[in-house]
N, C-alpha and C. Protein backbone atom coordinates (compact mmCIF):
# COMPACT_ATOMS: atom_id res chain seq x y z
N UNK A 1 0.85 -1.19 0.00
CA UNK A 1 0.00 0.00 0.00
C UNK A 1 0.89 1.25 0.00
N UNK A 2 0.64 2.19 -0.94
CA UNK A 2 1.47 3.38 -1.00
C UNK A 2 1.04 4.39 0.07
N UNK A 3 1.83 5.46 0.22
CA UNK A 3 1.59 6.39 1.32
C UNK A 3 0.28 7.16 1.18
N UNK A 4 -0.17 7.38 -0.03
CA UNK A 4 -1.42 8.11 -0.22
C UNK A 4 -2.60 7.27 0.27
N UNK A 5 -2.62 6.01 -0.11
CA UNK A 5 -3.71 5.15 0.34
C UNK A 5 -3.62 4.91 1.84
N UNK A 6 -2.41 4.78 2.35
CA UNK A 6 -2.24 4.61 3.80
C UNK A 6 -2.77 5.83 4.55
N UNK A 7 -2.46 7.02 4.03
CA UNK A 7 -2.98 8.25 4.63
C UNK A 7 -4.51 8.24 4.62
N UNK A 8 -5.09 7.91 3.48
CA UNK A 8 -6.55 7.90 3.37
C UNK A 8 -7.17 6.89 4.33
N UNK A 9 -6.50 5.76 4.52
CA UNK A 9 -7.01 4.75 5.43
C UNK A 9 -6.99 5.25 6.87
N UNK A 10 -5.92 5.96 7.24
CA UNK A 10 -5.86 6.50 8.60
C UNK A 10 -6.93 7.55 8.84
N UNK A 11 -7.27 8.31 7.81
CA UNK A 11 -8.25 9.39 7.95
C UNK A 11 -9.69 8.85 7.89
N UNK A 12 -9.95 7.96 6.93
CA UNK A 12 -11.31 7.47 6.74
C UNK A 12 -11.62 6.23 7.56
N UNK A 13 -10.61 5.39 7.78
CA UNK A 13 -10.81 4.19 8.56
C UNK A 13 -11.42 3.03 7.80
N UNK A 14 -11.96 3.27 6.61
CA UNK A 14 -12.59 2.23 5.81
C UNK A 14 -11.74 1.94 4.58
N UNK A 15 -11.35 0.69 4.43
CA UNK A 15 -10.38 0.33 3.39
C UNK A 15 -10.88 0.63 1.98
N UNK A 16 -12.13 0.29 1.69
CA UNK A 16 -12.65 0.49 0.34
C UNK A 16 -12.73 1.98 0.00
N UNK A 17 -13.19 2.78 0.96
CA UNK A 17 -13.25 4.23 0.74
C UNK A 17 -11.85 4.81 0.55
N UNK A 18 -10.90 4.33 1.34
CA UNK A 18 -9.53 4.83 1.25
C UNK A 18 -8.91 4.52 -0.10
N UNK A 19 -9.12 3.32 -0.58
CA UNK A 19 -8.56 2.93 -1.88
C UNK A 19 -9.15 3.78 -2.99
N UNK A 20 -10.46 4.03 -2.91
CA UNK A 20 -11.14 4.84 -3.93
C UNK A 20 -10.64 6.29 -3.89
N UNK A 21 -10.50 6.85 -2.67
CA UNK A 21 -10.03 8.23 -2.54
C UNK A 21 -8.61 8.37 -3.07
N UNK A 22 -7.74 7.42 -2.75
CA UNK A 22 -6.36 7.47 -3.21
C UNK A 22 -6.28 7.35 -4.73
N UNK A 23 -7.08 6.48 -5.29
CA UNK A 23 -7.08 6.29 -6.74
C UNK A 23 -7.51 7.57 -7.46
N UNK A 24 -8.56 8.20 -6.95
CA UNK A 24 -9.02 9.44 -7.55
C UNK A 24 -7.98 10.55 -7.40
N UNK A 25 -7.33 10.62 -6.26
CA UNK A 25 -6.32 11.65 -6.05
C UNK A 25 -5.16 11.47 -7.02
N UNK A 26 -4.72 10.24 -7.23
CA UNK A 26 -3.63 9.99 -8.18
C UNK A 26 -4.04 10.33 -9.61
N UNK A 27 -5.30 10.07 -9.94
CA UNK A 27 -5.79 10.33 -11.30
C UNK A 27 -5.89 11.83 -11.59
N UNK A 28 -6.12 12.62 -10.53
CA UNK A 28 -6.35 14.04 -10.71
C UNK A 28 -5.11 14.90 -10.51
N UNK A 29 -3.99 14.27 -10.11
CA UNK A 29 -2.82 15.05 -9.72
C UNK A 29 -1.56 14.50 -10.38
N UNK A 30 -0.63 15.39 -10.65
CA UNK A 30 0.69 14.98 -11.11
C UNK A 30 1.37 14.22 -9.98
N UNK A 31 1.70 12.97 -10.23
CA UNK A 31 2.27 12.13 -9.19
C UNK A 31 3.62 12.58 -8.68
N UNK A 32 4.29 13.48 -9.41
CA UNK A 32 5.60 13.94 -8.98
C UNK A 32 5.52 15.02 -7.90
N UNK A 33 4.35 15.60 -7.72
CA UNK A 33 4.16 16.65 -6.73
C UNK A 33 3.49 16.05 -5.50
N UNK A 34 4.30 15.68 -4.52
CA UNK A 34 3.79 14.97 -3.34
C UNK A 34 2.77 15.80 -2.57
N UNK A 35 3.06 17.08 -2.37
CA UNK A 35 2.18 17.93 -1.59
C UNK A 35 0.83 18.10 -2.29
N UNK A 36 0.86 18.34 -3.60
CA UNK A 36 -0.39 18.49 -4.35
C UNK A 36 -1.19 17.19 -4.33
N UNK A 37 -0.50 16.05 -4.40
CA UNK A 37 -1.19 14.76 -4.37
C UNK A 37 -1.87 14.54 -3.03
N UNK A 38 -1.18 14.86 -1.96
CA UNK A 38 -1.77 14.70 -0.64
C UNK A 38 -2.90 15.70 -0.41
N UNK A 39 -2.73 16.91 -0.94
CA UNK A 39 -3.80 17.90 -0.83
C UNK A 39 -5.07 17.40 -1.51
N UNK A 40 -4.92 16.82 -2.69
CA UNK A 40 -6.07 16.26 -3.39
C UNK A 40 -6.65 15.08 -2.63
N UNK A 41 -5.78 14.27 -2.03
CA UNK A 41 -6.26 13.13 -1.24
C UNK A 41 -7.09 13.61 -0.05
N UNK A 42 -6.68 14.70 0.59
CA UNK A 42 -7.45 15.26 1.69
C UNK A 42 -8.85 15.64 1.22
N UNK A 43 -8.92 16.31 0.10
CA UNK A 43 -10.23 16.73 -0.42
C UNK A 43 -11.09 15.54 -0.78
N UNK A 44 -10.48 14.51 -1.37
CA UNK A 44 -11.23 13.30 -1.72
C UNK A 44 -11.74 12.60 -0.47
N UNK A 45 -10.92 12.55 0.57
CA UNK A 45 -11.34 11.93 1.83
C UNK A 45 -12.50 12.70 2.45
N UNK A 46 -12.39 14.02 2.44
CA UNK A 46 -13.46 14.82 3.02
C UNK A 46 -14.77 14.65 2.26
N UNK A 47 -14.68 14.54 0.95
CA UNK A 47 -15.88 14.36 0.14
C UNK A 47 -16.56 13.03 0.49
N UNK A 48 -15.77 11.98 0.66
CA UNK A 48 -16.34 10.68 1.00
C UNK A 48 -16.88 10.65 2.42
N UNK A 49 -16.19 11.34 3.30
CA UNK A 49 -16.67 11.40 4.68
C UNK A 49 -18.01 12.13 4.77
N UNK A 50 -18.17 13.16 3.94
CA UNK A 50 -19.42 13.91 3.93
C UNK A 50 -20.57 13.09 3.36
N UNK A 51 -20.26 12.20 2.41
CA UNK A 51 -21.30 11.45 1.73
C UNK A 51 -21.81 10.25 2.53
N UNK A 52 -20.93 9.67 3.29
CA UNK A 52 -21.33 8.44 3.97
C UNK A 52 -22.24 8.75 5.17
N UNK A 53 -22.96 7.76 5.62
CA UNK A 53 -23.81 7.94 6.79
C UNK A 53 -23.60 6.78 7.75
N UNK A 54 -24.13 6.89 8.91
CA UNK A 54 -23.86 5.90 9.96
C UNK A 54 -24.39 4.51 9.60
N UNK A 55 -25.41 4.43 8.76
CA UNK A 55 -25.97 3.13 8.42
C UNK A 55 -25.05 2.33 7.51
N UNK A 56 -24.25 3.03 6.68
CA UNK A 56 -23.41 2.33 5.73
C UNK A 56 -21.94 2.41 6.10
N UNK A 57 -21.62 3.13 7.16
CA UNK A 57 -20.23 3.32 7.56
C UNK A 57 -19.63 2.01 8.06
N UNK A 58 -18.49 1.64 7.50
CA UNK A 58 -17.71 0.51 7.98
C UNK A 58 -16.33 1.06 8.27
N UNK A 59 -15.93 1.03 9.53
CA UNK A 59 -14.68 1.67 9.86
C UNK A 59 -13.80 0.76 10.69
N UNK A 60 -13.98 0.77 12.00
CA UNK A 60 -13.05 0.09 12.89
C UNK A 60 -13.00 -1.41 12.66
N UNK A 61 -14.17 -2.08 12.55
CA UNK A 61 -14.16 -3.53 12.48
C UNK A 61 -13.43 -4.03 11.25
N UNK A 62 -13.66 -3.38 10.09
CA UNK A 62 -12.97 -3.80 8.88
C UNK A 62 -11.48 -3.57 8.98
N UNK A 63 -11.11 -2.42 9.51
CA UNK A 63 -9.69 -2.09 9.63
C UNK A 63 -9.00 -3.08 10.55
N UNK A 64 -9.60 -3.39 11.69
CA UNK A 64 -8.99 -4.31 12.63
C UNK A 64 -8.90 -5.70 12.03
N UNK A 65 -9.97 -6.14 11.35
CA UNK A 65 -9.97 -7.46 10.76
C UNK A 65 -8.85 -7.59 9.74
N UNK A 66 -8.67 -6.56 8.91
CA UNK A 66 -7.61 -6.61 7.91
C UNK A 66 -6.25 -6.65 8.57
N UNK A 67 -6.06 -5.87 9.63
CA UNK A 67 -4.78 -5.88 10.33
C UNK A 67 -4.51 -7.24 10.98
N UNK A 68 -5.56 -7.87 11.52
CA UNK A 68 -5.38 -9.17 12.14
C UNK A 68 -5.02 -10.20 11.08
N UNK A 69 -5.66 -10.10 9.92
CA UNK A 69 -5.35 -11.04 8.86
C UNK A 69 -3.92 -10.88 8.40
N UNK A 70 -3.48 -9.63 8.27
CA UNK A 70 -2.10 -9.37 7.84
C UNK A 70 -1.11 -9.89 8.85
N UNK A 71 -1.45 -9.78 10.13
CA UNK A 71 -0.54 -10.23 11.17
C UNK A 71 -0.59 -11.74 11.34
N UNK A 72 -1.62 -12.37 10.83
CA UNK A 72 -1.74 -13.80 10.94
C UNK A 72 -2.38 -14.26 12.23
N UNK A 73 -2.67 -13.38 13.12
CA UNK A 73 -3.27 -13.75 14.40
C UNK A 73 -3.76 -12.49 15.08
N UNK A 74 -4.41 -12.70 16.23
CA UNK A 74 -4.82 -11.56 17.04
C UNK A 74 -3.70 -11.25 18.03
N UNK A 75 -2.53 -10.98 17.52
CA UNK A 75 -1.36 -10.74 18.35
C UNK A 75 -1.19 -9.28 18.69
N UNK A 76 0.05 -8.93 19.08
CA UNK A 76 0.33 -7.58 19.54
C UNK A 76 0.08 -6.54 18.47
N UNK A 77 0.54 -6.79 17.25
CA UNK A 77 0.35 -5.81 16.17
C UNK A 77 -1.13 -5.53 15.92
N UNK A 78 -1.92 -6.60 15.93
CA UNK A 78 -3.36 -6.44 15.72
C UNK A 78 -4.00 -5.68 16.87
N UNK A 79 -3.54 -5.93 18.09
CA UNK A 79 -4.10 -5.24 19.25
C UNK A 79 -3.78 -3.75 19.20
N UNK A 80 -2.54 -3.42 18.82
CA UNK A 80 -2.15 -2.02 18.68
C UNK A 80 -2.99 -1.34 17.61
N UNK A 81 -3.14 -2.02 16.47
CA UNK A 81 -3.93 -1.45 15.38
C UNK A 81 -5.38 -1.22 15.80
N UNK A 82 -5.93 -2.20 16.52
CA UNK A 82 -7.33 -2.09 16.96
C UNK A 82 -7.52 -0.89 17.89
N UNK A 83 -6.64 -0.77 18.86
CA UNK A 83 -6.76 0.31 19.84
C UNK A 83 -6.61 1.68 19.18
N UNK A 84 -5.62 1.82 18.31
CA UNK A 84 -5.37 3.12 17.70
C UNK A 84 -6.42 3.47 16.66
N UNK A 85 -6.90 2.48 15.93
CA UNK A 85 -7.97 2.74 14.97
C UNK A 85 -9.21 3.24 15.69
N UNK A 86 -9.54 2.61 16.80
CA UNK A 86 -10.72 3.00 17.57
C UNK A 86 -10.56 4.40 18.15
N UNK A 87 -9.39 4.67 18.73
CA UNK A 87 -9.15 5.99 19.34
C UNK A 87 -9.11 7.09 18.29
N UNK A 88 -8.41 6.83 17.19
CA UNK A 88 -8.26 7.84 16.15
C UNK A 88 -9.60 8.15 15.48
N UNK A 89 -10.44 7.15 15.35
CA UNK A 89 -11.74 7.36 14.70
C UNK A 89 -12.60 8.36 15.44
N UNK A 90 -12.35 8.56 16.73
CA UNK A 90 -13.15 9.49 17.52
C UNK A 90 -12.61 10.92 17.49
N UNK A 91 -11.50 11.13 16.81
CA UNK A 91 -10.94 12.48 16.69
C UNK A 91 -11.66 13.26 15.59
N UNK A 92 -11.70 14.58 15.70
CA UNK A 92 -12.24 15.40 14.59
C UNK A 92 -11.42 15.17 13.32
N UNK A 93 -12.07 15.35 12.20
CA UNK A 93 -11.44 15.07 10.91
C UNK A 93 -10.11 15.79 10.73
N UNK A 94 -10.05 17.07 11.02
CA UNK A 94 -8.82 17.84 10.81
C UNK A 94 -7.69 17.32 11.69
N UNK A 95 -8.01 16.87 12.89
CA UNK A 95 -6.98 16.32 13.76
C UNK A 95 -6.46 14.99 13.23
N UNK A 96 -7.34 14.16 12.69
CA UNK A 96 -6.90 12.89 12.09
C UNK A 96 -5.97 13.16 10.92
N UNK A 97 -6.31 14.15 10.12
CA UNK A 97 -5.47 14.48 8.97
C UNK A 97 -4.09 14.94 9.42
N UNK A 98 -4.05 15.85 10.37
CA UNK A 98 -2.78 16.40 10.83
C UNK A 98 -1.89 15.33 11.43
N UNK A 99 -2.46 14.45 12.24
CA UNK A 99 -1.66 13.39 12.84
C UNK A 99 -1.08 12.46 11.79
N UNK A 100 -1.89 12.09 10.81
CA UNK A 100 -1.39 11.20 9.76
C UNK A 100 -0.28 11.86 8.95
N UNK A 101 -0.45 13.13 8.64
CA UNK A 101 0.56 13.83 7.85
C UNK A 101 1.87 13.96 8.60
N UNK A 102 1.78 14.15 9.91
CA UNK A 102 3.01 14.32 10.70
C UNK A 102 3.60 12.99 11.17
N UNK A 103 2.79 12.19 11.85
CA UNK A 103 3.31 10.99 12.49
C UNK A 103 3.50 9.84 11.51
N UNK A 104 2.67 9.77 10.48
CA UNK A 104 2.79 8.71 9.49
C UNK A 104 3.74 9.09 8.35
N UNK A 105 3.56 10.31 7.83
CA UNK A 105 4.31 10.73 6.63
C UNK A 105 5.47 11.67 6.93
N UNK A 106 5.60 12.12 8.18
CA UNK A 106 6.73 12.96 8.62
C UNK A 106 6.84 14.28 7.87
N UNK A 107 5.71 14.88 7.52
CA UNK A 107 5.74 16.18 6.87
C UNK A 107 6.10 17.27 7.88
N UNK A 108 6.75 18.32 7.39
CA UNK A 108 7.04 19.48 8.24
C UNK A 108 5.75 20.25 8.47
N UNK A 109 5.80 21.18 9.42
CA UNK A 109 4.61 21.99 9.69
C UNK A 109 4.24 22.83 8.47
N UNK A 110 5.22 23.34 7.77
CA UNK A 110 4.93 24.13 6.57
C UNK A 110 4.26 23.26 5.50
N UNK A 111 4.74 22.05 5.33
CA UNK A 111 4.14 21.15 4.35
C UNK A 111 2.72 20.77 4.75
N UNK A 112 2.50 20.51 6.04
CA UNK A 112 1.16 20.19 6.51
C UNK A 112 0.21 21.35 6.24
N UNK A 113 0.67 22.56 6.46
CA UNK A 113 -0.15 23.74 6.19
C UNK A 113 -0.56 23.80 4.72
N UNK A 114 0.37 23.49 3.84
CA UNK A 114 0.06 23.51 2.40
C UNK A 114 -0.93 22.42 2.03
N UNK A 115 -0.78 21.25 2.62
CA UNK A 115 -1.69 20.15 2.32
C UNK A 115 -3.11 20.46 2.83
N UNK A 116 -3.20 20.99 4.04
CA UNK A 116 -4.51 21.24 4.64
C UNK A 116 -5.11 22.59 4.26
N UNK A 117 -4.31 23.44 3.63
CA UNK A 117 -4.82 24.74 3.23
C UNK A 117 -5.05 25.67 4.40
N UNK A 118 -4.14 25.63 5.38
CA UNK A 118 -4.26 26.49 6.56
C UNK A 118 -2.98 27.29 6.73
N UNK A 119 -3.01 28.28 7.62
CA UNK A 119 -1.82 29.06 7.92
C UNK A 119 -0.81 28.18 8.64
N UNK A 120 0.47 28.34 8.32
CA UNK A 120 1.50 27.53 8.95
C UNK A 120 1.52 27.68 10.46
N UNK A 121 1.16 28.87 10.96
CA UNK A 121 1.15 29.10 12.40
C UNK A 121 0.07 28.29 13.11
N UNK A 122 -0.92 27.79 12.36
CA UNK A 122 -2.01 27.03 12.97
C UNK A 122 -1.68 25.55 13.13
N UNK A 123 -0.59 25.10 12.53
CA UNK A 123 -0.29 23.67 12.53
C UNK A 123 0.12 23.19 13.92
N UNK A 124 1.02 23.91 14.59
CA UNK A 124 1.47 23.48 15.92
C UNK A 124 0.31 23.36 16.91
N UNK A 125 -0.56 24.37 17.02
CA UNK A 125 -1.72 24.21 17.92
C UNK A 125 -2.63 23.05 17.53
N UNK A 126 -2.80 22.83 16.23
CA UNK A 126 -3.64 21.73 15.75
C UNK A 126 -3.05 20.39 16.17
N UNK A 127 -1.75 20.23 16.00
CA UNK A 127 -1.10 18.98 16.39
C UNK A 127 -1.12 18.79 17.90
N UNK A 128 -0.95 19.88 18.63
CA UNK A 128 -1.00 19.78 20.09
C UNK A 128 -2.38 19.27 20.54
N UNK A 129 -3.44 19.85 19.99
CA UNK A 129 -4.80 19.42 20.35
C UNK A 129 -5.04 17.97 19.93
N UNK A 130 -4.56 17.62 18.74
CA UNK A 130 -4.77 16.26 18.24
C UNK A 130 -4.08 15.23 19.13
N UNK A 131 -2.87 15.53 19.55
CA UNK A 131 -2.13 14.60 20.40
C UNK A 131 -2.78 14.47 21.77
N UNK A 132 -3.20 15.57 22.33
CA UNK A 132 -3.85 15.51 23.63
C UNK A 132 -5.19 14.77 23.54
N UNK A 133 -5.91 14.98 22.46
CA UNK A 133 -7.20 14.29 22.28
C UNK A 133 -6.97 12.79 22.08
N UNK A 134 -5.96 12.43 21.31
CA UNK A 134 -5.68 11.01 21.09
C UNK A 134 -5.30 10.33 22.40
N UNK A 135 -4.48 10.99 23.18
CA UNK A 135 -4.09 10.44 24.47
C UNK A 135 -5.30 10.28 25.39
N UNK A 136 -6.19 11.27 25.36
CA UNK A 136 -7.40 11.20 26.17
C UNK A 136 -8.31 10.07 25.73
N UNK A 137 -8.44 9.87 24.42
CA UNK A 137 -9.28 8.80 23.91
C UNK A 137 -8.71 7.43 24.28
N UNK A 138 -7.41 7.31 24.24
CA UNK A 138 -6.79 6.03 24.59
C UNK A 138 -6.92 5.72 26.07
N UNK A 139 -6.75 6.72 26.91
CA UNK A 139 -6.75 6.49 28.35
C UNK A 139 -8.13 6.68 28.99
N UNK A 140 -9.04 7.29 28.25
CA UNK A 140 -10.37 7.49 28.79
C UNK A 140 -10.51 8.71 29.68
N UNK A 141 -9.48 9.55 29.70
CA UNK A 141 -9.55 10.79 30.49
C UNK A 141 -8.57 11.79 29.94
N UNK A 142 -8.93 13.06 30.02
CA UNK A 142 -8.08 14.12 29.50
C UNK A 142 -7.10 14.61 30.56
N UNK A 143 -6.03 15.23 30.08
CA UNK A 143 -5.08 15.86 30.98
C UNK A 143 -5.75 17.09 31.58
N UNK A 144 -5.75 17.18 32.88
CA UNK A 144 -6.40 18.31 33.54
C UNK A 144 -5.63 19.60 33.29
N UNK A 145 -6.37 20.66 33.05
CA UNK A 145 -5.77 21.97 32.82
C UNK A 145 -5.89 22.82 34.07
N UNK A 146 -4.77 23.40 34.49
CA UNK A 146 -4.77 24.28 35.65
C UNK A 146 -5.36 25.62 35.25
N UNK A 147 -6.51 25.99 35.81
CA UNK A 147 -7.14 27.25 35.42
C UNK A 147 -6.29 28.47 35.75
N UNK A 148 -5.30 28.30 36.60
CA UNK A 148 -4.44 29.43 36.95
C UNK A 148 -3.38 29.70 35.88
N UNK A 149 -3.18 28.73 34.96
CA UNK A 149 -2.18 28.94 33.90
C UNK A 149 -2.78 29.79 32.79
N UNK A 150 -2.20 30.93 32.55
CA UNK A 150 -2.70 31.86 31.53
C UNK A 150 -1.94 31.71 30.21
N UNK A 151 -1.00 30.78 30.16
CA UNK A 151 -0.12 30.70 28.99
C UNK A 151 -0.15 29.32 28.33
N UNK A 152 -1.21 28.55 28.57
CA UNK A 152 -1.26 27.18 28.07
C UNK A 152 -1.15 27.12 26.55
N UNK A 153 -1.90 27.95 25.85
CA UNK A 153 -1.90 27.89 24.39
C UNK A 153 -0.52 28.20 23.83
N UNK A 154 0.14 29.21 24.38
CA UNK A 154 1.49 29.52 23.93
C UNK A 154 2.43 28.36 24.21
N UNK A 155 2.32 27.80 25.40
CA UNK A 155 3.20 26.70 25.78
C UNK A 155 3.00 25.50 24.86
N UNK A 156 1.75 25.13 24.59
CA UNK A 156 1.47 23.97 23.74
C UNK A 156 1.97 24.20 22.32
N UNK A 157 1.81 25.42 21.83
CA UNK A 157 2.28 25.72 20.47
C UNK A 157 3.80 25.53 20.38
N UNK A 158 4.51 26.06 21.35
CA UNK A 158 5.97 25.95 21.33
C UNK A 158 6.41 24.50 21.53
N UNK A 159 5.75 23.81 22.44
CA UNK A 159 6.10 22.42 22.71
C UNK A 159 5.88 21.54 21.50
N UNK A 160 4.79 21.78 20.77
CA UNK A 160 4.54 20.99 19.56
C UNK A 160 5.62 21.24 18.51
N UNK A 161 6.04 22.49 18.38
CA UNK A 161 7.10 22.81 17.42
C UNK A 161 8.42 22.16 17.83
N UNK A 162 8.74 22.23 19.12
CA UNK A 162 9.96 21.58 19.61
C UNK A 162 9.91 20.07 19.40
N UNK A 163 8.77 19.49 19.67
CA UNK A 163 8.60 18.05 19.54
C UNK A 163 8.84 17.60 18.10
N UNK A 164 8.45 18.43 17.15
CA UNK A 164 8.58 18.07 15.74
C UNK A 164 9.84 18.65 15.09
N UNK A 165 10.76 19.15 15.91
CA UNK A 165 12.03 19.71 15.41
C UNK A 165 11.81 20.85 14.43
N UNK A 166 10.76 21.65 14.69
CA UNK A 166 10.49 22.84 13.88
C UNK A 166 11.20 24.04 14.50
N UNK A 167 11.45 25.08 13.71
CA UNK A 167 12.17 26.25 14.24
C UNK A 167 11.44 26.90 15.41
N UNK A 168 12.17 27.15 16.47
CA UNK A 168 11.66 27.84 17.66
C UNK A 168 12.69 28.90 18.04
N UNK A 169 12.22 30.13 18.26
CA UNK A 169 13.15 31.20 18.61
C UNK A 169 13.80 30.93 19.96
N UNK A 170 14.97 31.52 20.17
CA UNK A 170 15.67 31.37 21.44
C UNK A 170 14.81 31.91 22.58
N UNK A 171 14.09 32.98 22.31
CA UNK A 171 13.24 33.57 23.33
C UNK A 171 12.12 32.60 23.73
N UNK A 172 11.44 32.02 22.73
CA UNK A 172 10.35 31.08 23.02
C UNK A 172 10.88 29.82 23.70
N UNK A 173 12.04 29.37 23.25
CA UNK A 173 12.62 28.16 23.82
C UNK A 173 12.94 28.36 25.30
N UNK A 174 13.58 29.47 25.61
CA UNK A 174 13.90 29.76 27.01
C UNK A 174 12.66 29.95 27.86
N UNK A 175 11.67 30.62 27.27
CA UNK A 175 10.44 30.88 28.02
C UNK A 175 9.72 29.58 28.36
N UNK A 176 9.58 28.66 27.39
CA UNK A 176 8.80 27.46 27.65
C UNK A 176 9.49 26.54 28.64
N UNK A 177 10.80 26.49 28.62
CA UNK A 177 11.51 25.67 29.60
C UNK A 177 11.30 26.21 31.01
N UNK A 178 11.37 27.53 31.14
CA UNK A 178 11.14 28.15 32.45
C UNK A 178 9.69 27.97 32.89
N UNK A 179 8.77 28.08 31.94
CA UNK A 179 7.35 27.94 32.26
C UNK A 179 7.02 26.53 32.75
N UNK A 180 7.53 25.53 32.07
CA UNK A 180 7.23 24.15 32.47
C UNK A 180 7.79 23.83 33.85
N UNK A 181 8.90 24.45 34.18
CA UNK A 181 9.47 24.23 35.50
C UNK A 181 8.55 24.74 36.61
N UNK A 182 7.69 25.70 36.25
CA UNK A 182 6.78 26.30 37.23
C UNK A 182 5.33 25.86 37.07
N UNK A 183 5.02 25.15 35.98
CA UNK A 183 3.63 24.79 35.67
C UNK A 183 3.50 23.28 35.47
N UNK A 184 3.15 22.54 36.50
CA UNK A 184 2.98 21.09 36.37
C UNK A 184 1.95 20.70 35.31
N UNK A 185 0.93 21.51 35.12
CA UNK A 185 -0.11 21.21 34.15
C UNK A 185 0.45 21.16 32.73
N UNK A 186 1.22 22.15 32.36
CA UNK A 186 1.80 22.18 31.01
C UNK A 186 2.88 21.11 30.86
N UNK A 187 3.60 20.84 31.94
CA UNK A 187 4.61 19.77 31.90
C UNK A 187 3.94 18.42 31.66
N UNK A 188 2.80 18.20 32.31
CA UNK A 188 2.05 16.95 32.11
C UNK A 188 1.49 16.88 30.70
N UNK A 189 1.02 18.01 30.18
CA UNK A 189 0.50 18.04 28.81
C UNK A 189 1.60 17.70 27.81
N UNK A 190 2.79 18.20 28.07
CA UNK A 190 3.93 17.89 27.21
C UNK A 190 4.18 16.38 27.18
N UNK A 191 4.19 15.75 28.35
CA UNK A 191 4.39 14.31 28.42
C UNK A 191 3.28 13.56 27.68
N UNK A 192 2.06 14.06 27.78
CA UNK A 192 0.93 13.42 27.11
C UNK A 192 1.06 13.52 25.59
N UNK A 193 1.54 14.65 25.11
CA UNK A 193 1.75 14.82 23.67
C UNK A 193 2.81 13.86 23.15
N UNK A 194 3.89 13.70 23.90
CA UNK A 194 4.94 12.77 23.51
C UNK A 194 4.42 11.34 23.51
N UNK A 195 3.63 11.01 24.51
CA UNK A 195 3.05 9.67 24.59
C UNK A 195 2.16 9.38 23.37
N UNK A 196 1.35 10.35 23.00
CA UNK A 196 0.46 10.16 21.85
C UNK A 196 1.25 9.92 20.57
N UNK A 197 2.33 10.66 20.38
CA UNK A 197 3.14 10.49 19.18
C UNK A 197 3.77 9.11 19.12
N UNK A 198 4.32 8.68 20.24
CA UNK A 198 4.95 7.36 20.30
C UNK A 198 3.93 6.27 19.98
N UNK A 199 2.74 6.40 20.55
CA UNK A 199 1.70 5.40 20.32
C UNK A 199 1.26 5.39 18.86
N UNK A 200 1.05 6.57 18.30
CA UNK A 200 0.59 6.64 16.91
C UNK A 200 1.62 6.01 15.97
N UNK A 201 2.89 6.29 16.24
CA UNK A 201 3.93 5.74 15.38
C UNK A 201 4.11 4.25 15.55
N UNK A 202 3.59 3.71 16.64
CA UNK A 202 3.64 2.25 16.84
C UNK A 202 2.54 1.54 16.06
N UNK A 203 1.60 2.29 15.49
CA UNK A 203 0.53 1.72 14.68
C UNK A 203 1.16 1.05 13.46
N UNK A 204 1.02 -0.26 13.29
CA UNK A 204 1.67 -0.95 12.17
C UNK A 204 1.20 -0.42 10.83
N UNK A 205 2.14 -0.19 9.95
CA UNK A 205 1.81 0.25 8.59
C UNK A 205 1.42 -0.95 7.75
N UNK A 206 0.67 -0.65 6.71
CA UNK A 206 0.23 -1.73 5.81
C UNK A 206 1.40 -2.24 4.97
């Protein structure tokens, strides 16, 4: 399975829909332009997601069954796939897209912005929310936010950029390190984001 179809599968969760979306994206785009191809794949996935309804939706069970078949048993790989497919399916569409683009395909924040058609500055906050939501879905509870912290959004944005080896100014870098030393809530959120990334990357590829 190529990366476009794999991306579509992570976003849609249904193998048949993913294959169709990837095929259409390849047919409509110059295959040499990776970003344009993925951008078209995003649009194709969104179109299919909008068309389907709960009565005809096949998502987690098919995906897990296929992973179990590929693994040859209901072993560790199948269990990981089942858990992550279930957790990821409960994320908002844009968060699923961002996670797949970053954790599966290793795109930079600038590239993710081009694929999703958003401002580059919005990518770090989007990934931070996606990682925290994925961790919450897996564990069944969210990381508690300290209402006394007035800088959570700034901290999460910087932490997401640092986590993904994106450029961070010396001022922001120094500030976030000092802030986490004084804010257990943001420090815990940072750990949760790292946990989510590690778990997502453990999802077996096709």
